Amino acid sequence: MPGTQSISQGRKFGQVVKGAAAIFLRDGYMGASVDDIAQAARVSKATLYSYFPDKGLMFQEAMRAEVARLRFTLDIDPGAGPDQGIPRITVRIAAWMTDPLHVGLYRAHVAEATRFASLSKNFHGTQSRLLRDAIAPHLSRWAEGGLLAIEDANLAAEQLVALSGMGLRDHMLLGKPRAAIDAAAAQAAALFLRANAPEPRQAMQRGIRSR
């Protein structure tokens, strides 16, 4: 575990953090060398150590900075129904989760989950929140319109993410073809739609009342 030494900031602090993140994501915590980090950051080792006297502190700061940069957005036509919207969402989730940056972050946090438990918890919590908060409003809209049978949009969003992301990063880490990822996204959409389809009679009644 990292020691009790503290981080010092200076003019090239951000430059060092960016360079460290690149090497940690490439080589992992144990594989990353201080020489490579200094070279990637374009600073001397003395400057590196003046900011981060402990490699563990450097890893934590670099990973926090990368996680803070994560964004997830959805571009779904407000007039689209779930039959069109859900497949678009699952494809977007698949693309986001298999982005090289996200795969690298996933690998780094899983590998160091025991050594840096709070860091790993922050990564998974941030990822879950970003995806859930973007997806839930669309599910709520469809549920309110009687197009999906959902009682808790946040829970349903988490379930959709779990379906869409199941095994995707393993596919990337193992070098599976993109077609396998696209197929997984399509299957996730189909399963979610079947599981949350409103009862035919209820859907028909809602359709009549809305006319």
Protein backbone atom coordinates (compact mmCIF):
# COMPACT_ATOMS: atom_id res chain seq x y z
CA MET A 1 0.00 0.00 0.00
CA PRO A 2 1.11 3.59 -0.60
CA GLY A 3 2.88 5.36 2.24
CA THR A 4 1.75 8.41 4.11
CA GLN A 5 3.70 10.87 1.96
CA SER A 6 1.73 13.59 0.26
CA ILE A 7 1.46 14.96 -3.26
CA SER A 8 3.03 18.32 -4.12
CA GLN A 9 1.77 20.39 -7.04
CA GLY A 10 3.72 22.59 -9.38
CA ARG A 11 3.77 24.07 -12.86
CA LYS A 12 4.13 20.71 -14.62
CA PHE A 13 1.80 18.74 -12.35
CA GLY A 14 -0.91 18.21 -14.97
CA GLN A 15 1.70 17.23 -17.53
CA VAL A 16 3.08 14.60 -15.15
CA VAL A 17 -0.37 13.21 -14.34
CA LYS A 18 -1.21 12.89 -18.04
CA GLY A 19 2.08 11.14 -18.82
CA ALA A 20 1.70 8.81 -15.84
CA ALA A 21 -1.83 7.87 -16.88
CA ALA A 22 -0.65 6.93 -20.37
CA ILE A 23 2.01 4.58 -19.02
CA PHE A 24 -0.15 3.06 -16.29
CA LEU A 25 -2.91 2.34 -18.82
CA ARG A 26 -0.38 0.82 -21.19
CA ASP A 27 1.71 -1.22 -18.75
CA GLY A 28 -0.35 -1.50 -15.58
CA TYR A 29 0.71 -0.43 -12.11
CA MET A 30 3.35 -3.09 -11.56
CA GLY A 31 4.72 -2.92 -15.11
CA ALA A 32 5.02 0.86 -15.29
CA SER A 33 8.55 2.19 -14.84
CA VAL A 34 9.41 5.60 -13.49
CA ASP A 35 11.76 6.13 -16.43
CA ASP A 36 8.94 5.58 -18.92
CA ILE A 37 6.61 7.86 -16.98
CA ALA A 38 9.20 10.64 -16.88
CA GLN A 39 9.77 10.26 -20.61
CA ALA A 40 6.03 10.30 -21.39
CA ALA A 41 5.56 13.36 -19.19
CA ARG A 42 8.64 15.07 -20.69
CA VAL A 43 10.11 15.82 -17.29
CA SER A 44 13.14 14.68 -15.33
CA LYS A 45 12.86 11.96 -12.72
CA ALA A 46 13.73 14.59 -10.12
CA THR A 47 10.67 16.64 -11.14
CA LEU A 48 8.55 13.49 -11.08
CA TYR A 49 9.60 12.65 -7.54
CA SER A 50 9.12 16.23 -6.40
CA TYR A 51 5.41 15.87 -7.18
CA PHE A 52 4.94 12.19 -6.36
CA PRO A 53 7.37 10.67 -3.86
CA ASP A 54 5.33 7.46 -3.95
CA LYS A 55 4.40 5.46 -7.07
CA GLY A 56 1.09 4.49 -5.49
CA LEU A 57 0.12 8.13 -5.04
CA MET A 58 0.98 8.76 -8.68
CA PHE A 59 -1.19 5.85 -9.83
CA GLN A 60 -4.14 6.97 -7.75
CA GLU A 61 -3.97 10.57 -8.97
CA ALA A 62 -3.57 9.51 -12.59
CA MET A 63 -6.52 7.11 -12.44
CA ARG A 64 -8.75 9.62 -10.66
CA ALA A 65 -7.97 12.16 -13.36
CA GLU A 66 -8.84 9.70 -16.12
CA VAL A 67 -12.09 8.63 -14.45
CA ALA A 68 -13.06 12.28 -13.98
CA ARG A 69 -12.79 12.73 -17.75
CA LEU A 70 -15.36 10.02 -18.51
CA ARG A 71 -18.55 11.15 -20.22
CA PHE A 72 -21.52 9.23 -21.60
CA THR A 73 -24.18 10.85 -23.78
CA LEU A 74 -27.12 9.56 -25.76
CA ASP A 75 -28.64 11.04 -28.90
CA ILE A 76 -32.11 9.50 -29.00
CA ASP A 77 -34.93 11.12 -30.98
CA PRO A 78 -37.61 12.14 -28.44
CA GLY A 79 -40.22 10.77 -30.81
CA ALA A 80 -38.60 7.34 -31.10
CA GLY A 81 -40.23 4.44 -29.29
CA PRO A 82 -38.39 1.76 -27.35
CA ASP A 83 -38.25 -0.55 -30.38
CA GLN A 84 -35.98 2.01 -32.04
CA GLY A 85 -34.43 3.58 -28.95
CA ILE A 86 -33.36 0.53 -26.95
CA PRO A 87 -31.20 -0.96 -29.75
CA ARG A 88 -29.53 2.44 -30.16
CA ILE A 89 -28.85 2.58 -26.43
CA THR A 90 -27.32 -0.91 -26.29
CA VAL A 91 -25.11 -0.17 -29.29
CA ARG A 92 -23.98 3.06 -27.62
CA ILE A 93 -23.24 1.23 -24.37
CA ALA A 94 -21.26 -1.40 -26.28
CA ALA A 95 -19.25 1.25 -28.13
CA TRP A 96 -18.54 3.14 -24.90
CA MET A 97 -17.50 0.10 -22.91
CA THR A 98 -15.20 -1.19 -25.64
CA ASP A 99 -13.50 2.15 -26.28
CA PRO A 100 -9.76 1.58 -25.75
CA LEU A 101 -9.62 4.17 -22.97
CA HIS A 102 -12.43 2.52 -21.03
CA VAL A 103 -11.03 -0.96 -21.56
CA GLY A 104 -7.67 0.26 -20.27
CA LEU A 105 -9.27 1.81 -17.20
CA TYR A 106 -11.25 -1.35 -16.55
CA ARG A 107 -8.15 -3.52 -16.81
CA ALA A 108 -6.12 -1.23 -14.54
CA HIS A 109 -8.79 -1.02 -11.84
CA VAL A 110 -9.57 -4.73 -11.86
CA ALA A 111 -5.89 -5.64 -11.67
CA GLU A 112 -5.36 -3.32 -8.69
CA ALA A 113 -8.73 -3.75 -6.94
CA THR A 114 -7.09 -5.31 -3.87
CA ARG A 115 -4.24 -2.81 -3.61
CA PHE A 116 -6.42 0.25 -4.29
CA ALA A 117 -9.92 -0.79 -3.24
CA SER A 118 -11.38 2.70 -2.87
CA LEU A 119 -10.03 3.70 -6.28
CA SER A 120 -11.67 0.69 -7.91
CA LYS A 121 -14.94 1.43 -6.10
CA ASN A 122 -14.86 5.01 -7.38
CA PHE A 123 -14.30 3.85 -10.96
CA HIS A 124 -17.19 1.39 -10.94
CA GLY A 125 -19.48 3.84 -9.14
CA THR A 126 -18.73 6.65 -11.58
CA GLN A 127 -19.26 4.40 -14.57
CA SER A 128 -22.58 3.14 -13.20
CA ARG A 129 -23.82 6.66 -12.46
CA LEU A 130 -22.87 8.07 -15.86
CA LEU A 131 -24.67 5.31 -17.74
CA ARG A 132 -27.71 5.15 -15.47
CA ASP A 133 -28.29 8.90 -15.45
CA ALA A 134 -28.19 9.08 -19.25
CA ILE A 135 -30.44 6.07 -19.85
CA ALA A 136 -33.09 6.34 -17.09
CA PRO A 137 -34.91 9.43 -18.47
CA HIS A 138 -35.62 7.65 -21.76
CA LEU A 139 -36.91 4.57 -19.96
CA SER A 140 -39.11 6.77 -17.75
CA ARG A 141 -40.60 8.48 -20.79
CA TRP A 142 -41.44 5.18 -22.44
CA ALA A 143 -42.84 3.75 -19.22
CA GLU A 144 -45.04 6.79 -18.68
CA GLY A 145 -46.33 6.40 -22.23
CA GLY A 146 -47.24 2.78 -21.61
CA LEU A 147 -44.63 1.51 -24.04
CA LEU A 148 -42.58 -0.32 -21.39
CA ALA A 149 -43.63 -2.00 -18.15
CA ILE A 150 -41.07 -0.44 -15.80
CA GLU A 151 -41.61 0.61 -12.20
CA ASP A 152 -38.08 1.79 -11.35
CA ALA A 153 -36.29 3.49 -14.25
CA ASN A 154 -32.95 3.65 -12.44
CA LEU A 155 -32.99 -0.07 -11.68
CA ALA A 156 -34.09 -0.86 -15.24
CA ALA A 157 -31.25 1.30 -16.59
CA GLU A 158 -28.73 -0.63 -14.49
CA GLN A 159 -30.19 -3.90 -15.75
CA LEU A 160 -29.93 -2.72 -19.35
CA VAL A 161 -26.30 -1.74 -18.82
CA ALA A 162 -25.58 -5.14 -17.29
CA LEU A 163 -27.20 -6.92 -20.25
CA SER A 164 -25.40 -4.73 -22.79
CA GLY A 165 -22.00 -4.90 -21.15
CA MET A 166 -21.91 -8.56 -20.20
CA GLY A 167 -18.62 -9.94 -21.41
CA LEU A 168 -17.91 -7.03 -23.76
CA ARG A 169 -14.62 -6.01 -22.21
CA ASP A 170 -13.57 -9.64 -22.10
CA HIS A 171 -14.23 -9.73 -25.86
CA MET A 172 -11.93 -6.74 -26.29
CA LEU A 173 -9.22 -8.06 -23.99
CA LEU A 174 -9.29 -11.40 -25.80
CA GLY A 175 -9.30 -9.80 -29.25
CA LYS A 176 -12.76 -10.93 -30.31
CA PRO A 177 -14.08 -9.44 -33.60
CA ARG A 178 -16.28 -6.35 -33.61
CA ALA A 179 -19.14 -8.40 -35.05
CA ALA A 180 -19.36 -10.37 -31.81
CA ILE A 181 -19.74 -7.14 -29.86
CA ASP A 182 -22.46 -5.83 -32.18
CA ALA A 183 -24.31 -9.14 -31.90
CA ALA A 184 -24.16 -8.97 -28.10
CA ALA A 185 -25.67 -5.45 -28.17
CA ALA A 186 -28.51 -6.58 -30.43
CA GLN A 187 -29.27 -9.57 -28.21
CA ALA A 188 -29.29 -7.36 -25.12
CA ALA A 189 -31.81 -5.00 -26.73
CA ALA A 190 -34.10 -7.83 -27.78
CA LEU A 191 -34.03 -9.44 -24.34
CA PHE A 192 -34.69 -6.16 -22.52
CA LEU A 193 -37.64 -5.34 -24.78
CA ARG A 194 -39.18 -8.77 -24.26
CA ALA A 195 -38.69 -8.64 -20.50
CA ASN A 196 -40.21 -5.17 -20.14
CA ALA A 197 -42.97 -5.26 -22.74
CA PRO A 198 -46.35 -4.12 -21.39
CA GLU A 199 -49.22 -6.61 -21.28
CA PRO A 200 -50.92 -6.59 -24.71
CA ARG A 201 -54.31 -5.71 -23.25
CA GLN A 202 -52.92 -2.88 -21.14
CA ALA A 203 -50.98 -1.51 -24.07
CA MET A 204 -54.10 -1.60 -26.24
CA GLN A 205 -56.19 0.19 -23.59
CA ARG A 206 -53.54 2.86 -23.17
CA GLY A 207 -53.42 3.31 -26.93
CA ILE A 208 -57.19 3.78 -27.11
CA ARG A 209 -57.20 6.30 -24.24
CA SER A 210 -54.44 8.34 -25.84
CA ARG A 211 -56.38 8.87 -29.07
